Amino acid sequence: MIKVNAKELSFVENESLYDLLERANFNPDFVAVEVDEELVKRENYKDYFLQDGSKVEVFSFVGGG
């Protein structure tokens, strides 16, 4: 299992962070992500592979006025 914003998702072996974000309906171009309390740079999403038990926090940007 992987936790994404405290919601449990099934673990998929060899799944990149980029793929997980798409599977969880996040647009990888418009979010910031921490995995196990460490910020992952956007340019590394496709090369960052998750492990069973990873805790992922996804932060979306909200505009206002």
C-alpha atoms as a PDB file:
ATOM      1  CA  MET A   1       0.000   0.000   0.000  1.00  0.00           C
ATOM      2  CA  ILE A   2       0.953   3.599  -0.627  1.00  0.00           C
ATOM      3  CA  LYS A   3      -0.659   6.533   1.134  1.00  0.00           C
ATOM      4  CA  VAL A   4      -1.455   9.578  -0.979  1.00  0.00           C
ATOM      5  CA  ASN A   5      -2.687  12.492   1.127  1.00  0.00           C
ATOM      6  CA  ALA A   6      -3.631   9.930   3.823  1.00  0.00           C
ATOM      7  CA  LYS A   7      -5.692   7.840   1.359  1.00  0.00           C
ATOM      8  CA  GLU A   8      -4.497   4.281   0.779  1.00  0.00           C
ATOM      9  CA  LEU A   9      -3.829   3.192  -2.797  1.00  0.00           C
ATOM     10  CA  SER A  10      -2.585  -0.147  -4.026  1.00  0.00           C
ATOM     11  CA  PHE A  11       1.154  -0.462  -4.566  1.00  0.00           C
ATOM     12  CA  VAL A  12       2.189  -1.047  -8.175  1.00  0.00           C
ATOM     13  CA  GLU A  13       5.713  -2.361  -8.586  1.00  0.00           C
ATOM     14  CA  ASN A  14       8.013  -0.202 -10.756  1.00  0.00           C
ATOM     15  CA  GLU A  15       5.520   2.672 -10.800  1.00  0.00           C
ATOM     16  CA  SER A  16       7.078   6.106 -11.069  1.00  0.00           C
ATOM     17  CA  LEU A  17       5.870   9.050  -9.048  1.00  0.00           C
ATOM     18  CA  TYR A  18       4.684  10.624 -12.312  1.00  0.00           C
ATOM     19  CA  ASP A  19       2.556   7.550 -13.101  1.00  0.00           C
ATOM     20  CA  LEU A  20       1.111   7.474  -9.589  1.00  0.00           C
ATOM     21  CA  LEU A  21       0.108  11.129  -9.836  1.00  0.00           C
ATOM     22  CA  GLU A  22      -1.735  10.476 -13.083  1.00  0.00           C
ATOM     23  CA  ARG A  23      -3.406   7.365 -11.648  1.00  0.00           C
ATOM     24  CA  ALA A  24      -4.567   9.429  -8.647  1.00  0.00           C
ATOM     25  CA  ASN A  25      -5.946  12.141 -10.979  1.00  0.00           C
ATOM     26  CA  PHE A  26      -3.332  14.816 -10.254  1.00  0.00           C
ATOM     27  CA  ASN A  27      -1.734  16.831 -13.029  1.00  0.00           C
ATOM     28  CA  PRO A  28       2.026  16.344 -12.453  1.00  0.00           C
ATOM     29  CA  ASP A  29       2.761  19.742 -14.021  1.00  0.00           C
ATOM     30  CA  PHE A  30       0.777  21.657 -11.407  1.00  0.00           C
ATOM     31  CA  VAL A  31       1.584  20.042  -8.052  1.00  0.00           C
ATOM     32  CA  ALA A  32       4.428  19.857  -5.544  1.00  0.00           C
ATOM     33  CA  VAL A  33       5.119  16.456  -3.992  1.00  0.00           C
ATOM     34  CA  GLU A  34       6.764  15.121  -0.847  1.00  0.00           C
ATOM     35  CA  VAL A  35       7.558  11.433  -0.490  1.00  0.00           C
ATOM     36  CA  ASP A  36       8.306  10.284   3.043  1.00  0.00           C
ATOM     37  CA  GLU A  37       8.660  13.945   4.106  1.00  0.00           C
ATOM     38  CA  GLU A  38      11.227  14.825   1.390  1.00  0.00           C
ATOM     39  CA  LEU A  39      10.419  17.182  -1.469  1.00  0.00           C
ATOM     40  CA  VAL A  40      10.853  15.630  -4.914  1.00  0.00           C
ATOM     41  CA  LYS A  41      11.799  17.961  -7.763  1.00  0.00           C
ATOM     42  CA  ARG A  42       9.285  18.004 -10.611  1.00  0.00           C
ATOM     43  CA  GLU A  43      11.969  17.055 -13.151  1.00  0.00           C
ATOM     44  CA  ASN A  44      12.555  13.819 -11.186  1.00  0.00           C
ATOM     45  CA  TYR A  45       8.929  12.589 -11.077  1.00  0.00           C
ATOM     46  CA  LYS A  46       9.405  10.160 -13.993  1.00  0.00           C
ATOM     47  CA  ASP A  47      12.631   8.736 -12.523  1.00  0.00           C
ATOM     48  CA  TYR A  48      11.450   8.498  -8.905  1.00  0.00           C
ATOM     49  CA  PHE A  49      10.145   5.014  -8.145  1.00  0.00           C
ATOM     50  CA  LEU A  50       7.969   4.397  -5.134  1.00  0.00           C
ATOM     51  CA  GLN A  51       8.273   1.627  -2.601  1.00  0.00           C
ATOM     52  CA  ASP A  52       5.584  -0.261  -0.758  1.00  0.00           C
ATOM     53  CA  GLY A  53       4.665   1.799   2.295  1.00  0.00           C
ATOM     54  CA  SER A  54       5.657   5.166   0.818  1.00  0.00           C
ATOM     55  CA  LYS A  55       3.762   8.189   2.128  1.00  0.00           C
ATOM     56  CA  VAL A  56       3.072  10.747  -0.578  1.00  0.00           C
ATOM     57  CA  GLU A  57       1.776  14.255   0.070  1.00  0.00           C
ATOM     58  CA  VAL A  58       0.557  16.197  -2.961  1.00  0.00           C
ATOM     59  CA  PHE A  59       0.159  19.959  -2.766  1.00  0.00           C
ATOM     60  CA  SER A  60      -1.895  21.880  -5.316  1.00  0.00           C
ATOM     61  CA  PHE A  61      -1.515  25.565  -6.004  1.00  0.00           C
ATOM     62  CA  VAL A  62      -4.612  27.688  -5.583  1.00  0.00           C
ATOM     63  CA  GLY A  63      -4.975  31.099  -7.168  1.00  0.00           C
ATOM     64  CA  GLY A  64      -7.041  33.842  -5.704  1.00  0.00           C
ATOM     65  CA  GLY A  65      -7.691  37.462  -5.866  1.00  0.00           C
END
